[in-house]
């Protein structure tokens, strides 16, 4: 199994966060405070491009806090002003690469990161963008190399640790992933409440995948205590409740998440849990609404196409449309989850040999994802677990 090594110096390294630290004031979120500070700086010195870069970075962070992608569009506008003042300035281009990742334009983000790497071959965050983009494109060997560079260049840096954790999970090494996440959590300043809540959420997810439901619940409760209403934590806690057979509680959590982050993929999860809770009428209504929302954004980069494929292969009963959407998405990205969706659509259309080749490609990475494993079993002709 492939491994990302942590240099021996990591044990002595100080915590390193590459994004601006938030203040300790109560009230707005870390990103919200940074937005306010950046706008004040722009008002005072409108001719300084750095202030627009700071605003764009804060807006991108706010997008992650809220799951509201409109903040990415605002970030692009801020960067446009930065480039008018200082064409092609490095900090602006680096933030632009992050925004492209947030908007799921992975190939463009990879190109942008490669260009930045030529300008600054020892910039740790640029390697982080290469990890993210290459992983989503299914280029896991290149993602691994970039993650190792992050940890070699600056031992103990939090972005490097979290990306290494993601790759470890993808390769099926859940304990290694948890170890990296714990290190990242220990090195994240207390003021960075959203970063800490995100890391705790990922740890809860890893515990759940490993079958440790109680540990997952405890960790996710910590995340929500730190950042109340955090949409990522709500979604993962709903999975815990479903694993506990508490479907009504899972529905309530997913309704709350969809209320604050009304994206089609979140509605798809809610519809599925409503169905498992025996609320078939509500589930059908939610699925119909999901289909309309997902189709509206299907042609955009940031979409719910994988959920749409699952819907058409399942309750939507339209395998031909599932394969059409899957072919669009597989041309854009080839991570293990997109390969799985494509294989499942091929299988639903009777293209079993092609489906087998695609699912085997996903499994060859080492993933222990339960959905991928279940699909692989059906495609191989084994009975599906009840």
Protein backbone atom coordinates (compact mmCIF):
# COMPACT_ATOMS: atom_id res chain seq x y z
CA UNK A 1 0.00 0.00 0.00
CA UNK A 2 1.25 3.47 -0.84
CA UNK A 3 2.10 5.69 2.10
CA UNK A 4 2.84 9.33 2.60
CA UNK A 5 5.79 9.65 4.91
CA UNK A 6 5.91 12.22 7.67
CA UNK A 7 9.50 13.45 8.15
CA UNK A 8 11.10 12.82 11.52
CA UNK A 9 11.23 16.58 12.06
CA UNK A 10 7.44 16.58 12.35
CA UNK A 11 7.64 15.65 16.03
CA UNK A 12 9.54 18.89 16.70
CA UNK A 13 7.75 21.15 14.22
CA UNK A 14 5.59 24.05 15.28
CA UNK A 15 2.04 24.30 13.97
CA UNK A 16 1.83 26.02 10.61
CA UNK A 17 -1.41 27.37 9.16
CA UNK A 18 -1.02 28.91 5.75
CA UNK A 19 -4.25 30.90 5.83
CA UNK A 20 -4.61 34.15 7.79
CA UNK A 21 -5.44 33.62 11.44
CA UNK A 22 -8.76 34.87 12.76
CA UNK A 23 -9.08 37.06 15.80
CA UNK A 24 -10.49 35.94 19.10
CA UNK A 25 -13.49 38.24 19.15
CA UNK A 26 -16.88 36.65 19.72
CA UNK A 27 -19.69 37.06 17.21
CA UNK A 28 -19.12 36.53 13.49
CA UNK A 29 -17.33 33.49 12.16
CA UNK A 30 -13.58 33.64 11.41
CA UNK A 31 -14.25 34.23 7.72
CA UNK A 32 -16.95 36.76 8.51
CA UNK A 33 -14.50 38.78 10.59
CA UNK A 34 -11.90 38.59 7.84
CA UNK A 35 -14.43 39.87 5.28
CA UNK A 36 -15.22 42.84 7.52
CA UNK A 37 -11.52 43.58 8.06
CA UNK A 38 -10.73 43.34 4.34
CA UNK A 39 -13.59 45.64 3.35
CA UNK A 40 -12.45 48.18 5.93
CA UNK A 41 -8.93 48.01 4.49
CA UNK A 42 -10.29 48.54 0.96
CA UNK A 43 -12.30 51.56 2.06
CA UNK A 44 -9.20 53.07 3.69
CA UNK A 45 -6.75 52.18 0.88
CA UNK A 46 -8.72 51.41 -2.31
CA UNK A 47 -5.57 51.42 -4.41
CA UNK A 48 -3.87 48.51 -2.64
CA UNK A 49 -4.32 45.22 -4.45
CA UNK A 50 -3.46 43.20 -1.33
CA UNK A 51 -6.73 44.22 0.33
CA UNK A 52 -8.74 42.77 -2.55
CA UNK A 53 -6.75 39.54 -2.30
CA UNK A 54 -7.56 39.37 1.41
CA UNK A 55 -11.24 39.92 0.66
CA UNK A 56 -11.25 37.18 -2.00
CA UNK A 57 -9.56 34.73 0.36
CA UNK A 58 -12.02 35.52 3.16
CA UNK A 59 -14.97 35.11 0.78
CA UNK A 60 -13.66 31.71 -0.34
CA UNK A 61 -13.39 30.65 3.30
CA UNK A 62 -16.93 31.90 3.91
CA UNK A 63 -18.13 29.71 1.04
CA UNK A 64 -16.83 26.66 2.90
CA UNK A 65 -18.32 27.81 6.20
CA UNK A 66 -21.80 28.25 4.73
CA UNK A 67 -21.81 26.02 1.61
CA UNK A 68 -23.04 29.12 -0.26
CA UNK A 69 -21.27 29.11 -3.62
CA UNK A 70 -22.26 32.72 -4.33
CA UNK A 71 -19.28 33.73 -2.21
CA UNK A 72 -16.99 32.27 -4.89
CA UNK A 73 -18.49 34.62 -7.47
CA UNK A 74 -17.86 37.54 -5.11
CA UNK A 75 -14.29 36.31 -4.66
CA UNK A 76 -13.77 36.33 -8.44
CA UNK A 77 -14.97 39.95 -8.59
CA UNK A 78 -12.57 40.95 -5.82
CA UNK A 79 -9.71 39.24 -7.65
CA UNK A 80 -10.61 41.08 -10.84
CA UNK A 81 -10.04 44.37 -9.00
CA UNK A 82 -6.77 43.05 -7.61
CA UNK A 83 -5.50 42.16 -11.09
CA UNK A 84 -6.50 45.56 -12.47
CA UNK A 85 -4.27 47.16 -9.84
CA UNK A 86 -1.45 44.61 -10.05
CA UNK A 87 -1.77 42.37 -13.11
CA UNK A 88 -0.93 38.71 -12.48
CA UNK A 89 0.16 39.26 -8.87
CA UNK A 90 1.09 35.95 -7.24
CA UNK A 91 -1.15 36.09 -4.15
CA UNK A 92 -4.16 36.87 -6.30
CA UNK A 93 -3.43 34.02 -8.69
CA UNK A 94 -2.94 31.64 -5.77
CA UNK A 95 -6.33 32.57 -4.34
CA UNK A 96 -7.84 32.23 -7.81
CA UNK A 97 -6.65 28.61 -7.95
CA UNK A 98 -8.38 27.91 -4.64
CA UNK A 99 -11.61 29.48 -5.91
CA UNK A 100 -11.45 27.33 -9.04
CA UNK A 101 -11.19 24.26 -6.82
CA UNK A 102 -14.18 25.41 -4.80
CA UNK A 103 -16.16 25.74 -8.02
CA UNK A 104 -15.08 22.22 -9.06
CA UNK A 105 -13.17 23.41 -12.12
CA UNK A 106 -10.47 20.87 -11.36
CA UNK A 107 -8.61 20.81 -14.68
CA UNK A 108 -8.39 24.62 -14.73
CA UNK A 109 -7.28 24.63 -11.09
CA UNK A 110 -4.56 22.12 -11.91
CA UNK A 111 -3.32 24.26 -14.80
CA UNK A 112 -3.34 27.34 -12.58
CA UNK A 113 -1.43 25.55 -9.82
CA UNK A 114 1.18 24.27 -12.28
CA UNK A 115 1.75 27.82 -13.53
CA UNK A 116 2.13 29.05 -9.96
CA UNK A 117 4.54 26.23 -9.16
CA UNK A 118 6.89 27.49 -11.88
CA UNK A 119 6.86 30.92 -10.26
CA UNK A 120 7.29 29.64 -6.69
CA UNK A 121 8.50 26.02 -6.60
CA UNK A 122 8.62 25.95 -2.79
CA UNK A 123 5.12 27.31 -2.04
CA UNK A 124 3.35 24.76 0.13
CA UNK A 125 -0.21 25.81 -0.65
CA UNK A 126 0.38 25.52 -4.39
CA UNK A 127 1.30 21.87 -3.82
CA UNK A 128 -1.93 21.56 -1.84
CA UNK A 129 -3.91 22.74 -4.84
CA UNK A 130 -2.12 20.16 -6.96
CA UNK A 131 -3.14 17.46 -4.45
CA UNK A 132 -6.78 18.54 -4.59
CA UNK A 133 -7.02 18.88 -8.35
CA UNK A 134 -5.12 15.69 -9.18
CA UNK A 135 -7.14 13.64 -6.69
CA UNK A 136 -10.42 14.81 -8.20
CA UNK A 137 -9.11 14.08 -11.68
CA UNK A 138 -8.14 10.56 -10.59
CA UNK A 139 -4.41 11.24 -10.84
CA UNK A 140 -3.65 9.77 -7.44
CA UNK A 141 0.06 9.19 -8.03
CA UNK A 142 0.55 12.89 -8.81
CA UNK A 143 -1.60 13.84 -5.82
CA UNK A 144 0.57 11.67 -3.59
CA UNK A 145 3.77 13.28 -4.86
CA UNK A 146 2.41 16.77 -4.22
CA UNK A 147 1.24 15.84 -0.70
CA UNK A 148 4.65 14.43 0.14
CA UNK A 149 6.28 17.66 -1.07
CA UNK A 150 4.00 19.62 1.28
CA UNK A 151 5.15 17.63 4.30
CA UNK A 152 8.79 17.67 3.24
CA UNK A 153 8.88 21.41 2.58
CA UNK A 154 7.18 22.43 5.82
CA UNK A 155 6.83 19.58 8.32
CA UNK A 156 3.68 19.72 10.40
CA UNK A 157 1.74 22.13 8.22
CA UNK A 158 -1.99 21.62 8.67
CA UNK A 159 -3.03 21.77 4.99
CA UNK A 160 -0.47 19.06 4.24
CA UNK A 161 -1.69 16.84 7.06
CA UNK A 162 -5.36 17.09 6.05
CA UNK A 163 -4.58 16.33 2.43
CA UNK A 164 -2.43 13.37 3.44
CA UNK A 165 -5.37 12.16 5.54
CA UNK A 166 -7.71 12.36 2.56
CA UNK A 167 -5.35 10.29 0.44
CA UNK A 168 -4.85 7.73 3.20
CA UNK A 169 -8.62 7.31 3.43
CA UNK A 170 -8.90 6.96 -0.35
CA UNK A 171 -6.31 4.17 -0.21
CA UNK A 172 -8.24 2.37 2.53
CA UNK A 173 -5.90 3.29 5.41
CA UNK A 174 -8.48 4.67 7.84
CA UNK A 175 -6.24 4.57 10.90
CA UNK A 176 -3.48 6.41 9.06
CA UNK A 177 -6.02 9.00 7.95
CA UNK A 178 -7.25 9.45 11.51
CA UNK A 179 -3.70 9.87 12.77
CA UNK A 180 -3.05 12.67 10.29
CA UNK A 181 -6.34 14.36 11.17
CA UNK A 182 -5.57 14.22 14.89
CA UNK A 183 -2.21 15.85 14.25
CA UNK A 184 -3.89 18.53 12.14
CA UNK A 185 -6.44 19.19 14.89
CA UNK A 186 -3.73 19.51 17.53
CA UNK A 187 -1.86 22.03 15.37
CA UNK A 188 -4.85 24.23 14.52
CA UNK A 189 -5.14 27.41 16.64
CA UNK A 190 -8.24 27.53 18.89
CA UNK A 191 -9.43 30.73 17.20
CA UNK A 192 -9.83 28.87 13.90
CA UNK A 193 -13.18 27.41 14.92
CA UNK A 194 -14.38 26.49 11.43
CA UNK A 195 -11.11 24.77 10.57
CA UNK A 196 -11.27 22.81 13.82
CA UNK A 197 -14.93 21.91 13.26
CA UNK A 198 -14.12 20.74 9.73
CA UNK A 199 -11.29 18.54 10.98
CA UNK A 200 -13.50 17.09 13.74
CA UNK A 201 -16.17 16.39 11.13
CA UNK A 202 -13.68 14.49 9.00
CA UNK A 203 -12.58 12.51 12.04
CA UNK A 204 -16.20 11.66 12.81
CA UNK A 205 -16.67 10.50 9.24
CA UNK A 206 -13.59 8.28 9.49
CA UNK A 207 -14.81 6.73 12.74
CA UNK A 208 -18.17 5.98 11.10
CA UNK A 209 -16.55 4.37 8.03
CA UNK A 210 -14.48 2.23 10.41
CA UNK A 211 -17.67 1.11 12.19
CA UNK A 212 -17.08 3.08 15.40
CA UNK A 213 -20.51 4.68 15.60
CA UNK A 214 -20.19 5.89 19.21
CA UNK A 215 -16.84 7.55 18.54
CA UNK A 216 -18.27 9.16 15.41
CA UNK A 217 -21.22 10.54 17.38
CA UNK A 218 -18.98 11.98 20.10
CA UNK A 219 -16.62 13.64 17.62
CA UNK A 220 -19.44 15.15 15.56
CA UNK A 221 -21.10 16.48 18.70
CA UNK A 222 -17.80 18.24 19.46
CA UNK A 223 -17.78 19.77 15.99
CA UNK A 224 -21.33 21.10 16.38
CA UNK A 225 -20.60 22.44 19.85
CA UNK A 226 -17.67 24.34 18.38
CA UNK A 227 -19.51 25.54 15.24
CA UNK A 228 -23.30 25.24 15.80
CA UNK A 229 -25.32 24.35 12.73
CA UNK A 230 -22.22 23.43 10.71
CA UNK A 231 -23.60 21.87 7.53
CA UNK A 232 -20.83 19.27 7.10
CA UNK A 233 -21.25 18.04 10.68
CA UNK A 234 -25.04 17.89 10.39
CA UNK A 235 -24.78 15.66 7.33
CA UNK A 236 -22.37 13.26 8.98
CA UNK A 237 -24.33 13.15 12.23
CA UNK A 238 -27.41 12.23 10.17
CA UNK A 239 -25.46 9.24 8.84
CA UNK A 240 -24.69 8.26 12.41
CA UNK A 241 -28.38 8.47 13.32
CA UNK A 242 -29.27 6.33 10.29
CA UNK A 243 -26.66 3.76 11.36
CA UNK A 244 -28.31 3.74 14.80
CA UNK A 245 -31.71 3.16 13.22
CA UNK A 246 -32.89 6.60 14.36
CA UNK A 247 -34.27 7.61 10.97
CA UNK A 248 -36.60 10.32 12.28
CA UNK A 249 -33.64 12.05 13.89
CA UNK A 250 -31.64 11.65 10.68
CA UNK A 251 -34.48 13.28 8.74
CA UNK A 252 -34.57 16.21 11.16
CA UNK A 253 -30.82 16.78 10.84
CA UNK A 254 -30.92 16.64 7.04
CA UNK A 255 -33.91 18.97 6.92
CA UNK A 256 -31.91 21.40 9.02
CA UNK A 257 -28.89 21.05 6.73
CA UNK A 258 -30.96 21.56 3.59
CA UNK A 259 -32.58 24.63 5.17
CA UNK A 260 -29.18 26.28 5.55
CA UNK A 261 -27.53 24.77 2.44
CA UNK A 262 -30.31 24.15 -0.13
CA UNK A 263 -28.21 22.26 -2.65
CA UNK A 264 -29.66 19.36 -4.66
CA UNK A 265 -27.14 16.84 -3.30
CA UNK A 266 -28.35 17.65 0.22
CA UNK A 267 -31.96 17.19 -0.88
CA UNK A 268 -31.04 13.81 -2.40
CA UNK A 269 -29.68 12.63 0.96
CA UNK A 270 -32.87 13.85 2.67
CA UNK A 271 -35.09 12.02 0.18
CA UNK A 272 -33.16 8.78 0.70
CA UNK A 273 -33.52 8.97 4.48
CA UNK A 274 -37.21 9.84 4.19
CA UNK A 275 -37.62 6.65 2.16
CA UNK A 276 -35.77 4.57 4.77
CA UNK A 277 -37.98 6.13 7.45
CA UNK A 278 -41.06 4.84 5.62
CA UNK A 279 -42.23 8.33 4.66
CA UNK A 280 -42.67 7.36 1.02
CA UNK A 281 -44.90 10.23 -0.06
CA UNK A 282 -42.50 12.82 1.31
CA UNK A 283 -39.59 10.95 -0.22
CA UNK A 284 -41.17 10.95 -3.69
CA UNK A 285 -41.86 14.68 -3.42
CA UNK A 286 -38.29 15.37 -2.31
CA UNK A 287 -36.87 13.22 -5.11
CA UNK A 288 -38.93 15.08 -7.75
CA UNK A 289 -37.73 18.41 -6.41
CA UNK A 290 -34.16 17.10 -6.32
CA UNK A 291 -34.34 15.97 -9.95
CA UNK A 292 -35.47 19.42 -11.11
CA UNK A 293 -32.74 21.18 -9.14
CA UNK A 294 -30.01 18.77 -10.18
CA UNK A 295 -30.89 18.93 -13.87
CA UNK A 296 -30.77 22.74 -13.81
CA UNK A 297 -27.13 22.69 -12.77
CA UNK A 298 -26.09 19.45 -14.48
CA UNK A 299 -24.10 21.19 -17.20
CA UNK A 300 -22.13 23.35 -14.73
CA UNK A 301 -18.91 22.25 -13.10
CA UNK A 302 -20.31 22.36 -9.56
CA UNK A 303 -23.20 19.96 -9.83
CA UNK A 304 -25.05 17.03 -8.25
CA UNK A 305 -24.48 14.68 -11.18
CA UNK A 306 -23.30 11.73 -9.09
CA UNK A 307 -26.48 11.93 -7.01
CA UNK A 308 -28.51 12.32 -10.20
CA UNK A 309 -26.93 9.15 -11.58
CA UNK A 310 -27.80 7.27 -8.39
CA UNK A 311 -31.37 8.55 -8.59
CA UNK A 312 -31.84 7.47 -12.21
CA UNK A 313 -30.34 4.06 -11.45
CA UNK A 314 -32.70 3.74 -8.46
CA UNK A 315 -36.03 5.37 -7.69
CA UNK A 316 -35.96 7.52 -10.83
CA UNK A 317 -35.86 4.37 -13.02
CA UNK A 318 -34.21 5.97 -16.03
CA UNK A 319 -30.95 4.09 -16.65
CA UNK A 320 -30.45 5.59 -20.10
CA UNK A 321 -30.44 9.10 -18.63
CA UNK A 322 -28.14 7.92 -15.84
CA UNK A 323 -25.58 6.82 -18.42
CA UNK A 324 -25.89 10.07 -20.37
CA UNK A 325 -25.13 12.11 -17.24
CA UNK A 326 -22.39 9.70 -16.19
CA UNK A 327 -20.59 10.09 -19.52
CA UNK A 328 -20.62 13.87 -19.09
CA UNK A 329 -19.17 13.64 -15.60
CA UNK A 330 -16.53 10.98 -16.31
CA UNK A 331 -15.12 13.24 -19.03
CA UNK A 332 -14.49 15.88 -16.35
CA UNK A 333 -13.15 13.88 -13.41
CA UNK A 334 -12.15 10.31 -12.65
CA UNK A 335 -11.88 10.06 -8.88
CA UNK A 336 -13.06 6.81 -7.29
CA UNK A 337 -16.57 8.11 -6.60
CA UNK A 338 -17.13 9.27 -10.18
CA UNK A 339 -15.75 5.97 -11.48
CA UNK A 340 -18.22 4.18 -9.21
CA UNK A 341 -21.15 6.26 -10.48
CA UNK A 342 -20.12 5.60 -14.08
CA UNK A 343 -19.76 1.87 -13.46
CA UNK A 344 -23.17 1.74 -11.79
CA UNK A 345 -24.79 3.50 -14.74
CA UNK A 346 -23.09 1.11 -17.17
CA UNK A 347 -24.35 -1.86 -15.14
CA UNK A 348 -27.89 -0.46 -15.11
CA UNK A 349 -27.76 -0.36 -18.91
CA UNK A 350 -26.59 -3.95 -19.25
CA UNK A 351 -23.00 -3.03 -20.12
CA UNK A 352 -21.64 -5.41 -17.51
CA UNK A 353 -18.16 -6.05 -18.86
CA UNK A 354 -17.42 -2.35 -19.23
CA UNK A 355 -18.92 -1.75 -15.79
CA UNK A 356 -16.62 -4.40 -14.33
CA UNK A 357 -13.52 -2.78 -15.83
CA UNK A 358 -14.47 0.66 -14.50
CA UNK A 359 -15.33 -0.51 -10.97
CA UNK A 360 -12.09 -2.50 -10.82
CA UNK A 361 -10.21 0.69 -11.65
CA UNK A 362 -11.87 2.38 -8.67
CA UNK A 363 -11.15 -0.57 -6.37
CA UNK A 364 -7.50 -0.70 -7.47
CA UNK A 365 -6.87 2.54 -5.56
CA UNK A 366 -7.66 0.68 -2.33
CA UNK A 367 -10.86 2.42 -1.27
CA UNK A 368 -13.01 0.88 1.47
CA UNK A 369 -16.07 2.97 0.64
CA UNK A 370 -19.16 0.90 1.45
CA UNK A 371 -21.18 2.05 -1.56
CA UNK A 372 -18.37 1.27 -3.99
CA UNK A 373 -17.89 -2.15 -2.40
CA UNK A 374 -21.61 -2.93 -2.63
CA UNK A 375 -21.77 -1.87 -6.27
CA UNK A 376 -18.66 -3.91 -7.06
CA UNK A 377 -20.30 -6.98 -5.56
CA UNK A 378 -23.44 -6.60 -7.65
CA UNK A 379 -21.49 -5.94 -10.81
CA UNK A 380 -19.45 -9.08 -10.11
CA UNK A 381 -22.69 -11.05 -9.74
CA UNK A 382 -22.69 -11.43 -5.97
CA UNK A 383 -25.96 -10.92 -4.07
CA UNK A 384 -26.36 -7.38 -2.75
CA UNK A 385 -26.38 -7.15 1.08
CA UNK A 386 -29.79 -6.44 2.53
